[in-house]
Structures are given as structure tokens and as C-alpha cells.
């Protein structure tokens, strides 16, 4: 039975992650165009009202960045929390409930941004507000960066911050942001808590195919653009550019195999040892298999096609856009393009039009252990796991430009049938009320010096 509920009121309402997430969702910050100013100014009012220092810096006044600082005792370097308030569009999607109403129904908060990533921002805000109300003083300063524009490139958000205001992050060694949808979808086998330690890097390429034109009433020549395009698409139909084993993915797979029971763990271990075997992951769901296979190779996907002038004319030029993702570990753009040319044909024109930043190698050091310890203390049956995500987030900018070690950490506890990854950017995006409360508790424990 469906029930409408008001947000619960643990502690004070203003500290409740559910209440905070509701308010954030009710700001329409769809990007494009963004227009995040009203939402950011509301957050500033909440923090100012609690006596937490804030600063606004902006390349575009309609799309400001907020940087808040909660002073610590100076015993540790400052810790950065970063979160974006822009969300992806809802047009063309069929929603069961209004996407910007922030309704709580049957124990779940509905709305665009509930998972990506206003719900997580609410966890961070709740933890800071609770600390302030209790008079907690952390070991080091806590910096919260609330940014626009993550969904379309970060130019007026994190990129503007790291390029124009790096002084705001002086001394920061570690940062926590979103997990980029890194959930593995294996909840039926074990309750896993992903901690993102590395991301794949974006390399978007325009591939141009050329050939003779002519009247389309005649059979196209083998050298025609459509036939050449067909061969290109066939060459990349597997999705990858050859197996590449990396230390960070190897550790992830080793720990994942050990965390999963019986035959499932054995499949993951067999995949770790021989990722080229096409049948080694048989029995796992297709989404999980595709994700795991994306972690052992640079991937390339055909996404956009331009070409043709008329139905009765053989095109002389077709442009294909490819979404390339490069594994972490120092692989260069030139290496990626060389592999791509080898696969699609050396005589084709390739133009790199988006190039992601190369981040420093991940370090699974004492701070990673601290994140894992907080999760174990709040969920003894859960299993923290280092994870590589195939997507990229604002972490790439803080790590590549400022040398900050970034982690994607969205602590959630939910039932085995809930896969939050499948709600990202989708209609009926929603998050459990208990999951929000769990995440806020984990953030509070971390920032207070826990577990």
C-alpha cells in the first residue's frame, strides 16, 4: 500500500538529511541551462544561519560556486567535501511523481537529484550542521565546495575553482565526492559498500569516413562511405581496445572475489586471472558483466552519427562520434588513439574533441582505511570495497590540477533488491529515507574523527 509521509524529524528538522534533500530537490537546477543560483544561495543561508563561514565565487552570476569552511584544531590537513547541485534533464521521461516535488512515499524520497547528487549533499550538510549544533571541533578544517555544471563539463564549476581559486584548497590532501554510479549490482550475494579510488578518463573522438558519392539507385561501391562505416562499427562492436590489466583493478577484483560467496566469488577470481575468457562471468547479470569488462580495457562506444544530404544520394562523408574511456594508470591519449587507429583503420581521420584530465595514481592509504572503518562500524555485515568507476566526476579536476587524492564515497545501506545505479539519470529517481540517514551518520562519524 502506498503511503504519503512527511519527512522524519530526527534531532532538529534543519539537520535532517531527508528534509535537506527535499528542499534541494525542489530547486529546478536542470543543466542545461543550470541556473543554480537560487539553490546555492539557499544553501549559503542554511550554513550562514548555523555560523559556518561561506564564500561565493562565480564565473557566471547565475551559476555560482559556494565554498564553506568549518574550522578545526589544526591537527590534520583540511578535508574537502565537494558536491554538485545541477541535475540532468527530465524531458522525454515518464515520471510516476513530479520530479521536483521532493515527496516522501513508502519510505523513499522521490525526485531528480535524489541519488545524483542532492541526496549525498544533504548527508554532508546534515553532518556539518549536527557538528555545529553539538560544538564539535574536527581535527582539521572541513571545506565544503558546492558547485554547478558537473553534468556538462564543469567549466563554470569545479574547473573554474581549481584554475581561478586554487588558494581556497591550500593544504588539502584528501577529498570526498560522488561515486559516479559505482554500485556493482551484486547486493543479492553480499552487501557491498563501494569506495571509488579511481575513475576512467574521457577521450571523445570524431571519426570521419569518406568515399565516392553517386546516385543511390545504384549499388554502393565497397569503398563507399556506408560500407566503410559498417566495417568501422563491426571493428568496435566488442566495445574495447584489448585487455589491459592495471594494479588498481586487480586489487578491486581480488577483494570482490573474496567478499562474494561460493561460485560467484570463484567467477570473479577466474575473471581476474583471465579477463579475456568470454565465458568466465556466465551466470552474472548482464549489467554487472558489462561493467566488469569495462574495467579491463579502454572502451569505445559509437554514440552520434552525422552525414548524408539526401535519400537518393550516396554520402561522400559521414562523421561518427565515439565515447572513449581510458583506464586509470597513466595511459596517455596518444596510446589510446594509436590503439583506436589500429582497430578501426589507419586511413581514417580521427579528431579528439574532449580530453579528460590524467589523475595521479590512486593511493589506498590510511585515509582509505578510515573510510572503510566508518562503514564497518555502522554496518558490521557490510563489506567496504575499493572500486574503479567507468564514469568521470569533478574528482578528476581536484586530483589532476591540485594533486588531491579523491574518493567517491556515498555511504548507503539498503535492501538487496535496490540498485541505486539503475536510478541515475532515469525517471522515478529516488532514495530510501533510511539510506539518507545512514549516510548522514557515516559522514558525521568521519568528520568527527570516528569511527
Protein backbone atom coordinates (compact mmCIF):
# COMPACT_ATOMS: atom_id res chain seq x y z
CA UNK A 1 0.00 0.00 0.00
CA UNK A 2 1.29 3.42 -0.94
CA UNK A 3 1.51 5.98 1.81
CA UNK A 4 2.46 9.63 1.75
CA UNK A 5 4.72 10.63 4.60
CA UNK A 6 6.20 13.81 5.90
CA UNK A 7 9.95 13.84 6.42
CA UNK A 8 11.06 12.42 9.75
CA UNK A 9 12.48 14.85 12.28
CA UNK A 10 15.49 13.36 13.99
CA UNK A 11 17.40 15.91 16.04
CA UNK A 12 16.28 19.30 14.68
CA UNK A 13 14.46 19.40 11.37
CA UNK A 14 17.14 21.62 9.86
CA UNK A 15 19.74 18.89 10.50
CA UNK A 16 17.67 16.10 8.93
CA UNK A 17 19.22 14.83 5.67
CA UNK A 18 15.74 13.97 4.42
CA UNK A 19 14.41 17.49 4.99
CA UNK A 20 17.55 19.00 3.45
CA UNK A 21 17.34 16.71 0.41
CA UNK A 22 13.66 17.56 -0.06
CA UNK A 23 14.44 21.26 -0.13
CA UNK A 24 17.34 20.78 -2.54
CA UNK A 25 15.27 18.66 -4.95
CA UNK A 26 12.59 21.37 -5.09
CA UNK A 27 15.03 23.72 -6.82
CA UNK A 28 14.89 23.06 -10.57
CA UNK A 29 18.58 23.03 -11.46
CA UNK A 30 18.38 21.06 -14.71
CA UNK A 31 21.56 21.52 -16.72
CA UNK A 32 21.34 22.91 -19.32
CA UNK A 33 20.72 25.72 -18.58
CA UNK A 34 21.65 25.22 -14.90
CA UNK A 35 20.56 28.41 -13.15
CA UNK A 36 21.77 27.01 -9.85
CA UNK A 37 22.00 30.41 -8.10
CA UNK A 38 18.79 30.17 -6.09
CA UNK A 39 19.70 26.71 -4.79
CA UNK A 40 23.26 27.73 -3.92
CA UNK A 41 22.09 30.87 -2.14
CA UNK A 42 19.63 28.79 -0.10
CA UNK A 43 22.48 26.50 0.97
CA UNK A 44 24.51 29.56 1.88
CA UNK A 45 21.63 30.80 4.05
CA UNK A 46 21.46 27.46 5.87
CA UNK A 47 25.19 27.46 6.57
CA UNK A 48 25.36 31.15 7.47
CA UNK A 49 22.45 30.65 9.85
CA UNK A 50 24.47 27.96 11.62
CA UNK A 51 27.50 30.22 11.88
CA UNK A 52 29.58 28.40 9.25
CA UNK A 53 31.76 30.67 7.12
CA UNK A 54 30.84 30.77 3.41
CA UNK A 55 32.15 32.42 0.26
CA UNK A 56 30.63 32.75 -3.20
CA UNK A 57 32.83 32.84 -6.32
CA UNK A 58 31.42 32.72 -9.83
CA UNK A 59 32.33 32.88 -13.48
CA UNK A 60 28.61 33.38 -14.18
CA UNK A 61 26.41 35.01 -11.50
CA UNK A 62 23.56 32.66 -12.43
CA UNK A 63 25.83 29.70 -11.73
CA UNK A 64 27.83 30.40 -8.58
CA UNK A 65 30.16 28.21 -6.56
CA UNK A 66 29.91 28.15 -2.77
CA UNK A 67 32.93 27.32 -0.62
CA UNK A 68 32.30 26.88 3.11
CA UNK A 69 34.92 26.31 5.79
CA UNK A 70 34.35 24.70 9.18
CA UNK A 71 37.45 25.41 11.33
CA UNK A 72 39.26 22.54 13.01
CA UNK A 73 42.03 22.23 15.56
CA UNK A 74 44.86 22.24 13.03
CA UNK A 75 45.95 18.71 13.89
CA UNK A 76 45.24 17.37 10.38
CA UNK A 77 45.25 18.88 6.88
CA UNK A 78 41.94 20.31 5.66
CA UNK A 79 39.49 17.78 4.22
CA UNK A 80 37.49 18.68 1.11
CA UNK A 81 33.90 17.63 0.51
CA UNK A 82 32.61 18.53 -2.97
CA UNK A 83 29.12 18.20 -4.42
CA UNK A 84 27.29 19.48 -7.48
CA UNK A 85 23.74 20.82 -7.46
CA UNK A 86 23.00 20.66 -11.19
CA UNK A 87 20.93 17.71 -12.40
CA UNK A 88 20.23 16.10 -15.77
CA UNK A 89 17.03 16.86 -17.72
CA UNK A 90 13.70 15.15 -17.17
CA UNK A 91 12.23 15.94 -20.60
CA UNK A 92 11.26 12.87 -22.58
CA UNK A 93 10.97 10.75 -19.43
CA UNK A 94 7.76 9.44 -17.92
CA UNK A 95 7.72 10.04 -14.17
CA UNK A 96 5.28 8.45 -11.74
CA UNK A 97 5.63 11.50 -9.45
CA UNK A 98 6.59 15.12 -10.10
CA UNK A 99 10.37 15.20 -10.43
CA UNK A 100 10.82 18.39 -8.39
CA UNK A 101 8.26 17.86 -5.62
CA UNK A 102 10.56 16.04 -3.23
CA UNK A 103 7.81 13.71 -1.98
CA UNK A 104 8.45 11.00 0.59
CA UNK A 105 6.38 7.93 -0.29
CA UNK A 106 6.63 4.50 1.30
CA UNK A 107 9.95 5.31 2.89
CA UNK A 108 11.58 6.73 -0.23
CA UNK A 109 12.35 10.30 -1.28
CA UNK A 110 11.44 10.89 -4.92
CA UNK A 111 12.87 13.47 -7.27
CA UNK A 112 15.53 14.41 -9.76
CA UNK A 113 18.82 14.54 -7.92
CA UNK A 114 17.78 12.25 -5.06
CA UNK A 115 20.73 9.98 -5.95
CA UNK A 116 22.80 12.22 -8.23
CA UNK A 117 23.66 14.02 -6.10
CA UNK A 118 21.46 16.21 -3.90
CA UNK A 119 20.84 13.31 -1.55
CA UNK A 120 24.56 12.98 -0.88
CA UNK A 121 24.95 16.75 -0.49
CA UNK A 122 22.18 16.58 2.11
CA UNK A 123 24.20 13.94 4.01
CA UNK A 124 27.22 16.26 4.03
CA UNK A 125 25.18 19.28 5.13
CA UNK A 126 23.41 17.30 7.82
CA UNK A 127 26.72 16.11 9.27
CA UNK A 128 28.18 19.64 9.33
CA UNK A 129 25.06 21.15 10.89
CA UNK A 130 24.92 18.44 13.52
CA UNK A 131 28.58 19.03 14.39
CA UNK A 132 27.98 22.75 14.66
CA UNK A 133 24.95 22.28 16.91
CA UNK A 134 26.95 20.00 19.22
CA UNK A 135 30.01 22.21 19.24
CA UNK A 136 32.22 19.51 17.74
CA UNK A 137 35.63 20.72 16.56
CA UNK A 138 37.28 18.41 13.98
CA UNK A 139 40.97 17.65 13.90
CA UNK A 140 41.38 19.68 10.70
CA UNK A 141 39.34 22.22 8.77
CA UNK A 142 36.45 20.87 6.72
CA UNK A 143 35.91 22.58 3.37
CA UNK A 144 32.63 22.12 1.51
CA UNK A 145 32.56 23.09 -2.17
CA UNK A 146 29.08 23.23 -3.71
CA UNK A 147 29.38 23.63 -7.45
CA UNK A 148 27.30 23.91 -10.64
CA UNK A 149 27.83 22.42 -14.08
CA UNK A 150 29.22 18.95 -13.29
CA UNK A 151 26.82 17.28 -15.72
CA UNK A 152 28.05 19.22 -18.78
CA UNK A 153 31.78 19.65 -18.28
CA UNK A 154 32.34 21.67 -15.06
CA UNK A 155 33.59 24.80 -16.86
CA UNK A 156 31.86 27.26 -14.51
CA UNK A 157 32.03 24.87 -11.57
CA UNK A 158 34.99 22.83 -10.40
CA UNK A 159 37.20 23.77 -13.34
CA UNK A 160 36.71 27.47 -12.53
CA UNK A 161 37.51 26.81 -8.88
CA UNK A 162 40.74 24.88 -9.40
CA UNK A 163 42.02 27.21 -12.12
CA UNK A 164 41.00 30.58 -10.67
CA UNK A 165 40.83 29.95 -6.91
CA UNK A 166 43.27 27.16 -6.01
CA UNK A 167 44.16 29.07 -2.84
CA UNK A 168 40.80 28.04 -1.35
CA UNK A 169 42.09 24.45 -1.22
CA UNK A 170 45.61 25.05 0.06
CA UNK A 171 46.88 22.16 2.15
CA UNK A 172 44.07 19.75 1.22
CA UNK A 173 45.35 16.18 0.80
CA UNK A 174 42.07 14.25 0.56
CA UNK A 175 38.64 14.90 -0.92
CA UNK A 176 35.30 13.12 -0.94
CA UNK A 177 32.78 13.45 -3.74
CA UNK A 178 30.20 11.39 -5.58
CA UNK A 179 30.74 7.77 -6.54
CA UNK A 180 29.81 8.14 -10.21
CA UNK A 181 27.23 5.35 -10.07
CA UNK A 182 29.81 2.79 -8.99
CA UNK A 183 27.35 0.37 -7.38
CA UNK A 184 28.07 -3.15 -8.62
CA UNK A 185 24.58 -4.65 -8.56
CA UNK A 186 25.67 -7.71 -6.56
CA UNK A 187 23.56 -7.00 -3.50
CA UNK A 188 21.86 -10.40 -3.62
CA UNK A 189 25.21 -12.01 -2.82
CA UNK A 190 26.76 -9.58 -0.32
CA UNK A 191 26.15 -6.06 1.00
CA UNK A 192 28.98 -4.17 -0.65
CA UNK A 193 29.98 -0.58 0.12
CA UNK A 194 31.91 0.78 -2.87
CA UNK A 195 34.65 3.32 -2.21
CA UNK A 196 35.73 4.81 -5.53
CA UNK A 197 39.50 5.12 -5.66
CA UNK A 198 39.94 5.80 -9.39
CA UNK A 199 37.94 6.81 -12.47
CA UNK A 200 38.27 6.13 -16.16
CA UNK A 201 39.20 9.15 -18.26
CA UNK A 202 37.14 10.64 -21.07
CA UNK A 203 38.50 10.75 -24.62
CA UNK A 204 35.79 11.67 -27.12
CA UNK A 205 36.70 11.28 -30.77
CA UNK A 206 35.17 12.30 -34.11
CA UNK A 207 35.89 9.73 -36.78
CA UNK A 208 35.38 10.84 -40.38
CA UNK A 209 34.70 8.33 -43.16
CA UNK A 210 34.94 9.48 -46.78
CA UNK A 211 34.19 7.82 -50.08
CA UNK A 212 32.76 8.30 -53.57
CA UNK A 213 29.26 9.69 -53.97
CA UNK A 214 26.73 8.98 -56.67
CA UNK A 215 23.09 8.18 -57.30
CA UNK A 216 21.69 5.88 -54.62
CA UNK A 217 19.67 3.89 -57.16
CA UNK A 218 22.92 2.05 -57.92
CA UNK A 219 24.64 -0.37 -55.56
CA UNK A 220 27.21 1.37 -53.37
CA UNK A 221 30.87 0.53 -54.04
CA UNK A 222 32.89 -1.35 -51.46
CA UNK A 223 34.85 1.87 -50.92
CA UNK A 224 31.64 3.84 -50.31
CA UNK A 225 31.22 5.64 -47.00
CA UNK A 226 28.40 3.45 -45.72
CA UNK A 227 30.31 0.24 -46.36
CA UNK A 228 33.42 1.71 -44.77
CA UNK A 229 31.33 2.84 -41.80
CA UNK A 230 29.89 -0.66 -41.45
CA UNK A 231 33.39 -2.08 -41.16
CA UNK A 232 34.29 0.54 -38.54
CA UNK A 233 31.23 -0.32 -36.46
CA UNK A 234 31.99 -4.03 -36.71
CA UNK A 235 35.57 -3.42 -35.58
CA UNK A 236 34.44 -1.76 -32.33
CA UNK A 237 31.34 -3.86 -31.72
CA UNK A 238 33.06 -5.61 -28.80
CA UNK A 239 33.32 -2.28 -27.03
CA UNK A 240 37.02 -2.42 -26.16
CA UNK A 241 40.53 -1.97 -27.48
CA UNK A 242 42.16 -5.05 -25.97
CA UNK A 243 42.78 -6.31 -22.44
CA UNK A 244 44.82 -4.05 -20.14
CA UNK A 245 45.44 -5.23 -16.60
CA UNK A 246 46.03 -2.49 -14.02
CA UNK A 247 47.04 -2.80 -10.35
CA UNK A 248 44.04 -0.88 -9.00
CA UNK A 249 41.51 -3.01 -10.92
CA UNK A 250 43.37 -6.17 -9.92
CA UNK A 251 43.08 -5.25 -6.24
CA UNK A 252 39.39 -4.42 -6.67
CA UNK A 253 38.67 -7.78 -8.32
CA UNK A 254 40.72 -9.68 -5.73
CA UNK A 255 38.80 -8.13 -2.83
CA UNK A 256 35.48 -8.54 -4.65
CA UNK A 257 36.15 -12.24 -5.24
CA UNK A 258 36.93 -12.68 -1.56
CA UNK A 259 33.78 -10.86 -0.49
CA UNK A 260 31.35 -12.89 -2.59
CA UNK A 261 30.19 -16.38 -1.69
CA UNK A 262 30.93 -19.67 -3.41
CA UNK A 263 30.56 -19.84 -7.14
CA UNK A 264 30.05 -16.11 -7.60
CA UNK A 265 33.36 -15.28 -5.97
CA UNK A 266 35.02 -18.03 -7.99
CA UNK A 267 33.77 -16.47 -11.23
CA UNK A 268 35.18 -13.09 -10.26
CA UNK A 269 38.54 -14.66 -9.34
CA UNK A 270 38.62 -16.54 -12.65
CA UNK A 271 37.90 -13.27 -14.44
CA UNK A 272 40.70 -11.56 -12.52
CA UNK A 273 43.14 -14.24 -13.61
CA UNK A 274 41.96 -14.42 -17.22
CA UNK A 275 39.81 -11.41 -18.21
CA UNK A 276 40.00 -12.37 -21.88
CA UNK A 277 37.88 -15.52 -21.36
CA UNK A 278 34.42 -14.63 -22.77
CA UNK A 279 32.52 -17.18 -20.68
CA UNK A 280 34.11 -16.76 -17.29
CA UNK A 281 31.36 -14.45 -15.98
CA UNK A 282 28.44 -16.59 -17.17
CA UNK A 283 25.62 -16.57 -14.63
CA UNK A 284 26.00 -12.94 -13.53
CA UNK A 285 23.52 -10.34 -14.71
CA UNK A 286 24.38 -8.58 -17.94
CA UNK A 287 24.76 -5.10 -16.47
CA UNK A 288 27.35 -6.30 -13.96
CA UNK A 289 29.22 -8.25 -16.65
CA UNK A 290 29.43 -5.21 -18.93
CA UNK A 291 30.67 -3.08 -16.04
CA UNK A 292 33.40 -5.56 -15.09
CA UNK A 293 34.52 -5.97 -18.67
CA UNK A 294 34.77 -2.19 -18.96
CA UNK A 295 37.36 -2.20 -16.16
CA UNK A 296 39.91 -4.34 -18.01
CA UNK A 297 40.06 -2.43 -21.27
CA UNK A 298 39.91 1.03 -22.75
CA UNK A 299 36.39 1.22 -24.13
CA UNK A 300 34.93 2.96 -27.16
CA UNK A 301 31.24 3.32 -27.99
CA UNK A 302 29.63 4.77 -31.11
CA UNK A 303 27.07 7.34 -29.99
CA UNK A 304 26.35 10.06 -32.62
CA UNK A 305 26.20 9.91 -36.41
CA UNK A 306 26.24 12.84 -38.88
CA UNK A 307 26.08 12.53 -42.65
CA UNK A 308 24.15 12.41 -45.88
CA UNK A 309 22.47 15.09 -47.96
CA UNK A 310 19.53 13.26 -49.49
CA UNK A 311 17.81 9.90 -49.53
CA UNK A 312 18.78 9.31 -53.16
CA UNK A 313 22.45 10.30 -52.82
CA UNK A 314 25.34 8.16 -51.62
CA UNK A 315 27.05 10.29 -48.96
CA UNK A 316 30.64 11.33 -49.55
CA UNK A 317 31.31 11.93 -45.86
CA UNK A 318 29.99 10.52 -42.58
CA UNK A 319 31.13 11.66 -39.15
CA UNK A 320 30.86 9.22 -36.24
CA UNK A 321 31.28 10.38 -32.63
CA UNK A 322 32.87 7.91 -30.26
CA UNK A 323 32.79 7.93 -26.46
CA UNK A 324 36.18 6.68 -25.41
CA UNK A 325 37.08 5.87 -21.78
CA UNK A 326 40.71 5.32 -20.78
CA UNK A 327 41.75 3.19 -17.82
CA UNK A 328 43.49 4.81 -14.85
CA UNK A 329 47.20 4.26 -14.52
CA UNK A 330 48.96 6.87 -16.63
CA UNK A 331 47.84 5.73 -20.09
CA UNK A 332 48.31 8.64 -22.48
CA UNK A 333 45.88 9.99 -25.03
CA UNK A 334 48.37 9.12 -27.78
CA UNK A 335 48.40 5.49 -26.66
CA UNK A 336 44.60 5.39 -26.74
CA UNK A 337 44.43 6.92 -30.25
CA UNK A 338 47.09 4.52 -31.52
CA UNK A 339 45.05 1.54 -30.31
CA UNK A 340 41.90 3.01 -31.81
CA UNK A 341 43.55 3.57 -35.21
CA UNK A 342 44.88 0.04 -35.17
CA UNK A 343 41.35 -1.25 -34.63
CA UNK A 344 39.29 0.94 -36.99
CA UNK A 345 41.85 1.52 -39.76
CA UNK A 346 44.82 3.81 -40.06
CA UNK A 347 43.46 5.67 -43.09
CA UNK A 348 40.54 7.28 -41.22
CA UNK A 349 40.60 10.80 -39.81
CA UNK A 350 40.39 10.94 -36.01
CA UNK A 351 39.79 14.19 -34.15
CA UNK A 352 39.96 14.29 -30.36
CA UNK A 353 37.35 16.83 -29.24
CA UNK A 354 37.09 16.16 -25.48
CA UNK A 355 40.09 15.04 -23.46
CA UNK A 356 39.79 14.24 -19.78
CA UNK A 357 42.48 15.03 -17.26
CA UNK A 358 45.05 12.41 -16.26
CA UNK A 359 44.88 11.92 -12.50
CA UNK A 360 47.73 10.80 -10.24
CA UNK A 361 47.82 7.07 -9.41
CA UNK A 362 45.36 6.18 -6.61
CA UNK A 363 46.67 5.65 -3.09
CA UNK A 364 44.83 3.25 -0.83
CA UNK A 365 46.43 4.57 2.32
CA UNK A 366 45.33 5.38 5.86
CA UNK A 367 42.51 7.66 4.72
CA UNK A 368 41.00 4.87 2.63
CA UNK A 369 41.24 2.64 5.69
CA UNK A 370 39.42 5.31 7.69
CA UNK A 371 36.55 5.43 5.21
CA UNK A 372 36.30 1.64 5.33
CA UNK A 373 36.39 1.62 9.14
CA UNK A 374 33.49 4.08 9.36
CA UNK A 375 31.41 1.82 7.12
CA UNK A 376 32.27 -1.29 9.14
CA UNK A 377 31.38 0.45 12.39
CA UNK A 378 27.95 1.46 11.09
CA UNK A 379 27.27 -1.75 9.16
CA UNK A 380 29.28 -4.68 10.55
CA UNK A 381 27.78 -7.04 7.97
CA UNK A 382 28.68 -4.76 5.08
CA UNK A 383 31.90 -5.06 3.09
CA UNK A 384 33.83 -1.94 2.05
CA UNK A 385 35.41 -2.37 -1.37
CA UNK A 386 37.84 -0.28 -3.46
CA UNK A 387 36.16 0.38 -6.79
CA UNK A 388 37.05 1.91 -10.15
CA UNK A 389 34.19 3.69 -11.88
CA UNK A 390 33.79 3.90 -15.64
CA UNK A 391 32.37 7.42 -15.40
CA UNK A 392 34.17 10.64 -14.54
CA UNK A 393 33.24 13.24 -11.95
CA UNK A 394 34.57 16.53 -10.62
CA UNK A 395 37.19 14.48 -8.79
CA UNK A 396 39.26 14.47 -11.98
CA UNK A 397 39.81 18.22 -11.67
CA UNK A 398 40.70 18.33 -7.99
CA UNK A 399 43.11 15.41 -8.43
CA UNK A 400 44.78 16.36 -11.71
CA UNK A 401 45.08 20.11 -11.10
CA UNK A 402 45.66 20.25 -7.35
CA UNK A 403 47.13 16.82 -6.60
CA UNK A 404 44.36 15.97 -4.13
CA UNK A 405 43.65 12.27 -3.56
CA UNK A 406 39.94 11.93 -4.28
CA UNK A 407 37.49 9.27 -3.17
CA UNK A 408 33.92 8.66 -4.26
CA UNK A 409 32.06 7.84 -1.07
CA UNK A 410 28.28 7.66 -0.88
CA UNK A 411 27.59 5.51 2.18
CA UNK A 412 24.26 3.72 1.72
CA UNK A 413 22.58 0.77 3.38
CA UNK A 414 19.60 -0.72 1.61
CA UNK A 415 17.94 -3.97 0.72
CA UNK A 416 19.37 -6.45 -1.80
CA UNK A 417 16.71 -5.67 -4.40
CA UNK A 418 17.56 -1.97 -4.63
CA UNK A 419 20.16 -0.98 -7.23
CA UNK A 420 20.76 2.76 -6.99
CA UNK A 421 22.97 2.68 -10.06
CA UNK A 422 19.88 1.93 -12.16
CA UNK A 423 18.16 5.12 -10.92
CA UNK A 424 20.87 7.53 -12.02
CA UNK A 425 19.63 9.88 -14.77
CA UNK A 426 16.45 7.80 -15.03
CA UNK A 427 12.77 8.57 -14.45
CA UNK A 428 11.45 7.95 -10.92
CA UNK A 429 14.84 8.65 -9.36
CA UNK A 430 14.52 8.11 -5.62
CA UNK A 431 16.43 7.18 -2.50
CA UNK A 432 15.45 5.48 0.76
CA UNK A 433 14.89 7.64 3.84
CA UNK A 434 16.87 5.16 5.94
CA UNK A 435 19.67 5.23 3.38
CA UNK A 436 19.90 9.01 3.71
CA UNK A 437 20.01 8.75 7.49
CA UNK A 438 22.69 6.06 7.32
CA UNK A 439 24.82 8.20 5.01
CA UNK A 440 24.49 11.26 7.23
CA UNK A 441 25.55 9.21 10.26
CA UNK A 442 28.59 7.93 8.40
CA UNK A 443 29.62 11.43 7.34
CA UNK A 444 29.16 12.70 10.88
CA UNK A 445 31.33 9.89 12.25
CA UNK A 446 34.05 10.55 9.67
CA UNK A 447 34.13 14.32 10.15
CA UNK A 448 34.04 13.96 13.95
CA UNK A 449 37.12 11.76 13.90
CA UNK A 450 35.34 8.41 14.03
CA UNK A 451 34.59 5.58 13.57
